[in-house]
Amino acid sequence: MDKRYQIFISSTYADLKEERRRVTETVIELDCIPAGMELFPAADQEQFEFIKRVIDDCDYYLLIIGGRYGSITEAGISYTEQEYDYAISRGLKGVWLSCWTNRHECAKNRLPRAGPKWQEV
């Protein structure tokens, strides 16, 4: 029996809805199981504990990067970056998609604030 891989799809939400929809459709077409924030729209620390359990059940972490950095946690980083940090700390294989259309707009919207790890993606 072939394994069906589960893929956690992460991004900022409002600006990348269409991209997330298309990636989710592609994941399903590949006979994989998509998982992502649509399952848990609230963003707080309690929800992050649930998100961590979902990430733990995934085989891959797919990050879609656009021009927004996202909502900030109490730790001073975005929820998207928090998910990314957790997934990488757990050893998940990562896939990164860039939806940047204008690097100046990206910089203006604080994406580089996250530091070098984002700049290599």
N, C-alpha and C. Protein backbone atom coordinates (compact mmCIF):
# COMPACT_ATOMS: atom_id res chain seq x y z
N MET A 1 0.84 -1.18 0.00
CA MET A 1 0.00 0.00 0.00
C MET A 1 0.89 1.24 0.00
N ASP A 2 0.63 2.16 -0.93
CA ASP A 2 1.40 3.40 -1.02
C ASP A 2 0.99 4.36 0.08
N LYS A 3 1.99 5.07 0.57
CA LYS A 3 1.73 6.07 1.61
C LYS A 3 1.17 7.34 0.97
N ARG A 4 0.19 7.93 1.62
CA ARG A 4 -0.33 9.24 1.20
C ARG A 4 0.32 10.27 2.10
N TYR A 5 1.07 11.17 1.52
CA TYR A 5 1.80 12.18 2.29
C TYR A 5 0.87 13.31 2.71
N GLN A 6 1.07 13.79 3.91
CA GLN A 6 0.32 14.94 4.40
C GLN A 6 1.23 16.16 4.35
N ILE A 7 0.70 17.25 3.80
CA ILE A 7 1.49 18.46 3.58
C ILE A 7 0.83 19.63 4.29
N PHE A 8 1.59 20.25 5.20
CA PHE A 8 1.11 21.43 5.90
C PHE A 8 1.38 22.64 5.01
N ILE A 9 0.34 23.39 4.66
CA ILE A 9 0.45 24.57 3.79
C ILE A 9 0.36 25.81 4.66
N SER A 10 1.40 26.63 4.59
CA SER A 10 1.48 27.81 5.45
C SER A 10 1.72 29.07 4.61
N SER A 11 1.09 30.15 5.03
CA SER A 11 1.30 31.46 4.41
C SER A 11 0.55 32.49 5.24
N THR A 12 0.78 33.77 4.93
CA THR A 12 -0.15 34.75 5.45
C THR A 12 -1.47 34.46 4.76
N TYR A 13 -2.56 34.92 5.32
CA TYR A 13 -3.85 34.43 4.83
C TYR A 13 -4.53 35.32 3.79
N ALA A 14 -4.89 36.52 4.17
CA ALA A 14 -5.75 37.35 3.32
C ALA A 14 -5.14 37.64 1.96
N ASP A 15 -3.85 37.87 1.91
CA ASP A 15 -3.21 38.24 0.65
C ASP A 15 -2.92 37.05 -0.25
N LEU A 16 -2.98 35.84 0.26
CA LEU A 16 -2.60 34.67 -0.54
C LEU A 16 -3.69 33.61 -0.61
N LYS A 17 -4.95 34.02 -0.46
CA LYS A 17 -6.06 33.06 -0.50
C LYS A 17 -6.09 32.27 -1.80
N GLU A 18 -5.96 32.96 -2.92
CA GLU A 18 -6.03 32.28 -4.22
C GLU A 18 -4.84 31.33 -4.40
N GLU A 19 -3.67 31.77 -4.01
CA GLU A 19 -2.48 30.91 -4.13
C GLU A 19 -2.63 29.67 -3.25
N ARG A 20 -3.15 29.84 -2.03
CA ARG A 20 -3.37 28.70 -1.14
C ARG A 20 -4.38 27.73 -1.75
N ARG A 21 -5.45 28.28 -2.34
CA ARG A 21 -6.47 27.43 -2.96
C ARG A 21 -5.85 26.59 -4.08
N ARG A 22 -5.04 27.24 -4.92
CA ARG A 22 -4.44 26.53 -6.05
C ARG A 22 -3.43 25.48 -5.59
N VAL A 23 -2.64 25.81 -4.58
CA VAL A 23 -1.68 24.84 -4.04
C VAL A 23 -2.43 23.66 -3.42
N THR A 24 -3.49 23.95 -2.67
CA THR A 24 -4.29 22.88 -2.06
C THR A 24 -4.86 21.96 -3.12
N GLU A 25 -5.38 22.51 -4.19
CA GLU A 25 -5.91 21.69 -5.29
C GLU A 25 -4.82 20.81 -5.89
N THR A 26 -3.63 21.37 -6.07
CA THR A 26 -2.52 20.61 -6.63
C THR A 26 -2.10 19.48 -5.70
N VAL A 27 -2.05 19.76 -4.40
CA VAL A 27 -1.70 18.73 -3.42
C VAL A 27 -2.70 17.58 -3.49
N ILE A 28 -3.97 17.89 -3.61
CA ILE A 28 -5.01 16.86 -3.72
C ILE A 28 -4.85 16.07 -5.02
N GLU A 29 -4.56 16.78 -6.11
CA GLU A 29 -4.35 16.11 -7.40
C GLU A 29 -3.18 15.14 -7.35
N LEU A 30 -2.20 15.43 -6.49
CA LEU A 30 -1.04 14.56 -6.32
C LEU A 30 -1.33 13.40 -5.36
N ASP A 31 -2.59 13.28 -4.95
CA ASP A 31 -3.04 12.25 -4.03
C ASP A 31 -2.38 12.37 -2.66
N CYS A 32 -2.15 13.62 -2.26
CA CYS A 32 -1.63 13.90 -0.93
C CYS A 32 -2.72 14.57 -0.10
N ILE A 33 -2.47 14.71 1.17
CA ILE A 33 -3.46 15.28 2.08
C ILE A 33 -3.01 16.67 2.51
N PRO A 34 -3.79 17.72 2.15
CA PRO A 34 -3.42 19.06 2.58
C PRO A 34 -3.86 19.33 4.01
N ALA A 35 -3.06 20.08 4.73
CA ALA A 35 -3.42 20.55 6.07
C ALA A 35 -2.98 22.00 6.14
N GLY A 36 -3.75 22.83 6.84
CA GLY A 36 -3.36 24.23 6.93
C GLY A 36 -4.27 25.01 7.83
N MET A 37 -4.03 26.30 7.84
CA MET A 37 -4.70 27.19 8.79
C MET A 37 -6.19 27.33 8.57
N GLU A 38 -6.70 26.92 7.41
CA GLU A 38 -8.14 27.00 7.19
C GLU A 38 -8.90 26.17 8.22
N LEU A 39 -8.20 25.17 8.77
CA LEU A 39 -8.82 24.30 9.78
C LEU A 39 -8.92 24.97 11.14
N PHE A 40 -8.13 26.01 11.37
CA PHE A 40 -8.07 26.67 12.67
C PHE A 40 -7.81 28.16 12.46
N PRO A 41 -8.86 28.94 12.17
CA PRO A 41 -8.70 30.35 11.81
C PRO A 41 -8.23 31.26 12.94
N ALA A 42 -8.45 30.91 14.18
CA ALA A 42 -8.03 31.79 15.28
C ALA A 42 -6.52 31.73 15.42
N ALA A 43 -5.92 32.86 15.72
CA ALA A 43 -4.47 32.92 15.88
C ALA A 43 -4.13 33.33 17.30
N ASP A 44 -3.82 32.38 18.13
CA ASP A 44 -3.36 32.66 19.48
C ASP A 44 -2.50 31.48 19.94
N GLN A 45 -1.95 31.58 21.12
CA GLN A 45 -1.02 30.54 21.59
C GLN A 45 -1.72 29.19 21.77
N GLU A 46 -2.97 29.20 22.24
CA GLU A 46 -3.69 27.94 22.41
C GLU A 46 -3.89 27.25 21.06
N GLN A 47 -4.25 28.03 20.05
CA GLN A 47 -4.40 27.46 18.71
C GLN A 47 -3.06 26.95 18.18
N PHE A 48 -1.97 27.63 18.54
CA PHE A 48 -0.67 27.19 18.06
C PHE A 48 -0.32 25.81 18.61
N GLU A 49 -0.76 25.50 19.81
CA GLU A 49 -0.52 24.16 20.35
C GLU A 49 -1.21 23.12 19.48
N PHE A 50 -2.41 23.42 19.00
CA PHE A 50 -3.12 22.53 18.09
C PHE A 50 -2.39 22.45 16.76
N ILE A 51 -1.96 23.59 16.24
CA ILE A 51 -1.24 23.63 14.96
C ILE A 51 0.03 22.78 15.06
N LYS A 52 0.74 22.84 16.18
CA LYS A 52 1.94 22.03 16.34
C LYS A 52 1.62 20.54 16.22
N ARG A 53 0.50 20.11 16.78
CA ARG A 53 0.11 18.70 16.67
C ARG A 53 -0.18 18.33 15.22
N VAL A 54 -0.81 19.26 14.48
CA VAL A 54 -1.09 19.00 13.07
C VAL A 54 0.23 18.92 12.30
N ILE A 55 1.14 19.85 12.54
CA ILE A 55 2.45 19.83 11.88
C ILE A 55 3.18 18.53 12.19
N ASP A 56 3.09 18.08 13.44
CA ASP A 56 3.75 16.82 13.84
C ASP A 56 3.25 15.63 13.02
N ASP A 57 2.01 15.69 12.55
CA ASP A 57 1.44 14.60 11.76
C ASP A 57 1.75 14.71 10.27
N CYS A 58 2.41 15.79 9.87
CA CYS A 58 2.68 16.02 8.45
C CYS A 58 4.04 15.48 8.03
N ASP A 59 4.15 15.22 6.73
CA ASP A 59 5.40 14.74 6.15
C ASP A 59 6.21 15.88 5.54
N TYR A 60 5.52 16.92 5.09
CA TYR A 60 6.16 18.06 4.45
C TYR A 60 5.54 19.35 4.96
N TYR A 61 6.32 20.42 4.84
CA TYR A 61 5.87 21.77 5.19
C TYR A 61 6.05 22.63 3.96
N LEU A 62 4.95 23.18 3.44
CA LEU A 62 5.00 24.00 2.24
C LEU A 62 4.68 25.44 2.62
N LEU A 63 5.62 26.32 2.39
CA LEU A 63 5.49 27.73 2.75
C LEU A 63 5.33 28.56 1.50
N ILE A 64 4.26 29.35 1.46
CA ILE A 64 4.03 30.29 0.36
C ILE A 64 4.37 31.68 0.89
N ILE A 65 5.33 32.32 0.25
CA ILE A 65 5.77 33.64 0.70
C ILE A 65 5.29 34.69 -0.30
N GLY A 66 4.62 35.70 0.23
CA GLY A 66 4.18 36.83 -0.58
C GLY A 66 4.78 38.11 -0.04
N GLY A 67 4.04 39.17 -0.14
CA GLY A 67 4.56 40.47 0.26
C GLY A 67 4.25 40.89 1.68
N ARG A 68 3.57 40.08 2.46
CA ARG A 68 3.24 40.45 3.84
C ARG A 68 3.98 39.56 4.82
N TYR A 69 4.32 40.13 5.95
CA TYR A 69 4.99 39.37 7.01
C TYR A 69 3.97 38.66 7.89
N GLY A 70 2.82 39.26 8.11
CA GLY A 70 1.76 38.61 8.87
C GLY A 70 1.60 39.16 10.28
N SER A 71 0.57 38.67 10.95
CA SER A 71 0.26 39.08 12.32
C SER A 71 1.37 38.65 13.26
N ILE A 72 1.64 39.49 14.26
CA ILE A 72 2.76 39.28 15.16
C ILE A 72 2.31 38.56 16.44
N THR A 73 3.10 37.58 16.86
CA THR A 73 2.85 36.86 18.11
C THR A 73 3.40 37.66 19.29
N GLU A 74 3.15 37.16 20.48
CA GLU A 74 3.71 37.78 21.68
C GLU A 74 5.24 37.74 21.67
N ALA A 75 5.80 36.78 20.96
CA ALA A 75 7.26 36.64 20.87
C ALA A 75 7.88 37.64 19.89
N GLY A 76 7.03 38.38 19.16
CA GLY A 76 7.53 39.39 18.24
C GLY A 76 7.81 38.90 16.84
N ILE A 77 7.38 37.67 16.51
CA ILE A 77 7.50 37.16 15.14
C ILE A 77 6.11 36.85 14.61
N SER A 78 5.99 36.64 13.31
CA SER A 78 4.67 36.35 12.75
C SER A 78 4.26 34.90 13.07
N TYR A 79 2.96 34.65 13.03
CA TYR A 79 2.47 33.29 13.22
C TYR A 79 3.01 32.37 12.14
N THR A 80 3.14 32.89 10.91
CA THR A 80 3.68 32.09 9.81
C THR A 80 5.13 31.71 10.11
N GLU A 81 5.92 32.67 10.59
CA GLU A 81 7.31 32.36 10.94
C GLU A 81 7.37 31.38 12.10
N GLN A 82 6.46 31.52 13.06
CA GLN A 82 6.42 30.61 14.20
C GLN A 82 6.15 29.18 13.72
N GLU A 83 5.21 29.02 12.78
CA GLU A 83 4.93 27.70 12.21
C GLU A 83 6.17 27.16 11.51
N TYR A 84 6.81 28.01 10.71
CA TYR A 84 8.01 27.63 9.97
C TYR A 84 9.09 27.15 10.94
N ASP A 85 9.38 27.95 11.96
CA ASP A 85 10.41 27.59 12.94
C ASP A 85 10.12 26.25 13.58
N TYR A 86 8.85 26.03 13.93
CA TYR A 86 8.48 24.78 14.56
C TYR A 86 8.67 23.60 13.60
N ALA A 87 8.19 23.75 12.38
CA ALA A 87 8.29 22.67 11.39
C ALA A 87 9.74 22.30 11.13
N ILE A 88 10.60 23.29 10.98
CA ILE A 88 12.01 23.03 10.72
C ILE A 88 12.66 22.38 11.95
N SER A 89 12.28 22.83 13.15
CA SER A 89 12.85 22.24 14.37
C SER A 89 12.47 20.77 14.50
N ARG A 90 11.36 20.39 13.91
CA ARG A 90 10.89 18.99 13.95
C ARG A 90 11.48 18.16 12.82
N GLY A 91 12.27 18.78 11.95
CA GLY A 91 12.92 18.05 10.87
C GLY A 91 12.05 17.80 9.66
N LEU A 92 10.94 18.52 9.53
CA LEU A 92 10.10 18.34 8.35
C LEU A 92 10.84 18.79 7.09
N LYS A 93 10.59 18.10 6.02
CA LYS A 93 11.13 18.51 4.73
C LYS A 93 10.32 19.73 4.29
N GLY A 94 11.00 20.75 3.80
CA GLY A 94 10.33 21.98 3.43
C GLY A 94 10.32 22.25 1.94
N VAL A 95 9.24 22.87 1.51
CA VAL A 95 9.10 23.35 0.14
C VAL A 95 8.68 24.80 0.25
N TRP A 96 9.35 25.69 -0.49
CA TRP A 96 9.05 27.12 -0.41
C TRP A 96 8.66 27.64 -1.77
N LEU A 97 7.57 28.37 -1.84
CA LEU A 97 7.11 29.01 -3.07
C LEU A 97 7.07 30.51 -2.85
N SER A 98 7.66 31.25 -3.76
CA SER A 98 7.67 32.70 -3.65
C SER A 98 6.65 33.29 -4.61
N CYS A 99 5.78 34.13 -4.08
CA CYS A 99 4.78 34.81 -4.89
C CYS A 99 5.08 36.30 -4.98
N TRP A 100 6.35 36.66 -4.77
CA TRP A 100 6.74 38.07 -4.82
C TRP A 100 6.57 38.59 -6.23
N THR A 101 5.92 39.71 -6.35
CA THR A 101 5.85 40.37 -7.64
C THR A 101 6.70 41.62 -7.65
N ASN A 102 7.01 42.13 -6.46
CA ASN A 102 7.77 43.37 -6.35
C ASN A 102 8.55 43.33 -5.05
N ARG A 103 9.86 43.15 -5.13
CA ARG A 103 10.68 43.04 -3.92
C ARG A 103 10.62 44.30 -3.07
N HIS A 104 10.42 45.49 -3.71
CA HIS A 104 10.32 46.73 -2.93
C HIS A 104 9.07 46.67 -2.04
N GLU A 105 7.97 46.23 -2.59
CA GLU A 105 6.74 46.10 -1.79
C GLU A 105 6.96 45.09 -0.66
N CYS A 106 7.65 44.02 -0.95
CA CYS A 106 7.93 43.01 0.06
C CYS A 106 8.72 43.63 1.21
N ALA A 107 9.74 44.39 0.89
CA ALA A 107 10.56 45.03 1.92
C ALA A 107 9.73 46.04 2.71
N LYS A 108 8.89 46.78 2.02
CA LYS A 108 8.06 47.78 2.68
C LYS A 108 7.10 47.14 3.68
N ASN A 109 6.70 45.91 3.41
CA ASN A 109 5.75 45.21 4.27
C ASN A 109 6.42 44.33 5.32
N ARG A 110 7.70 44.58 5.61
CA ARG A 110 8.42 44.01 6.74
C ARG A 110 8.88 42.58 6.58
N LEU A 111 8.81 41.97 5.43
CA LEU A 111 9.26 40.59 5.31
C LEU A 111 10.72 40.42 5.73
N PRO A 112 11.65 41.30 5.36
CA PRO A 112 13.03 41.09 5.76
C PRO A 112 13.26 41.15 7.26
N ARG A 113 12.32 41.65 8.00
CA ARG A 113 12.44 41.72 9.46
C ARG A 113 12.76 40.35 10.05
N ALA A 114 12.32 39.32 9.37
CA ALA A 114 12.53 37.96 9.90
C ALA A 114 13.98 37.52 9.83
N GLY A 115 14.80 38.22 9.10
CA GLY A 115 16.22 37.90 9.07
C GLY A 115 16.63 36.99 7.94
N PRO A 116 17.85 36.48 8.02
CA PRO A 116 18.47 35.75 6.92
C PRO A 116 17.74 34.49 6.48
N LYS A 117 17.03 33.82 7.38
CA LYS A 117 16.39 32.57 6.96
C LYS A 117 15.38 32.78 5.84
N TRP A 118 14.71 33.93 5.83
CA TRP A 118 13.74 34.21 4.76
C TRP A 118 14.45 34.63 3.49
N GLN A 119 15.58 35.27 3.59
CA GLN A 119 16.25 35.79 2.42
C GLN A 119 16.84 34.67 1.58
N GLU A 120 17.02 33.50 2.14
CA GLU A 120 17.57 32.38 1.38
C GLU A 120 16.49 31.55 0.70
N VAL A 121 15.26 31.81 1.04
CA VAL A 121 14.15 31.02 0.49
C VAL A 121 13.93 31.42 -0.95
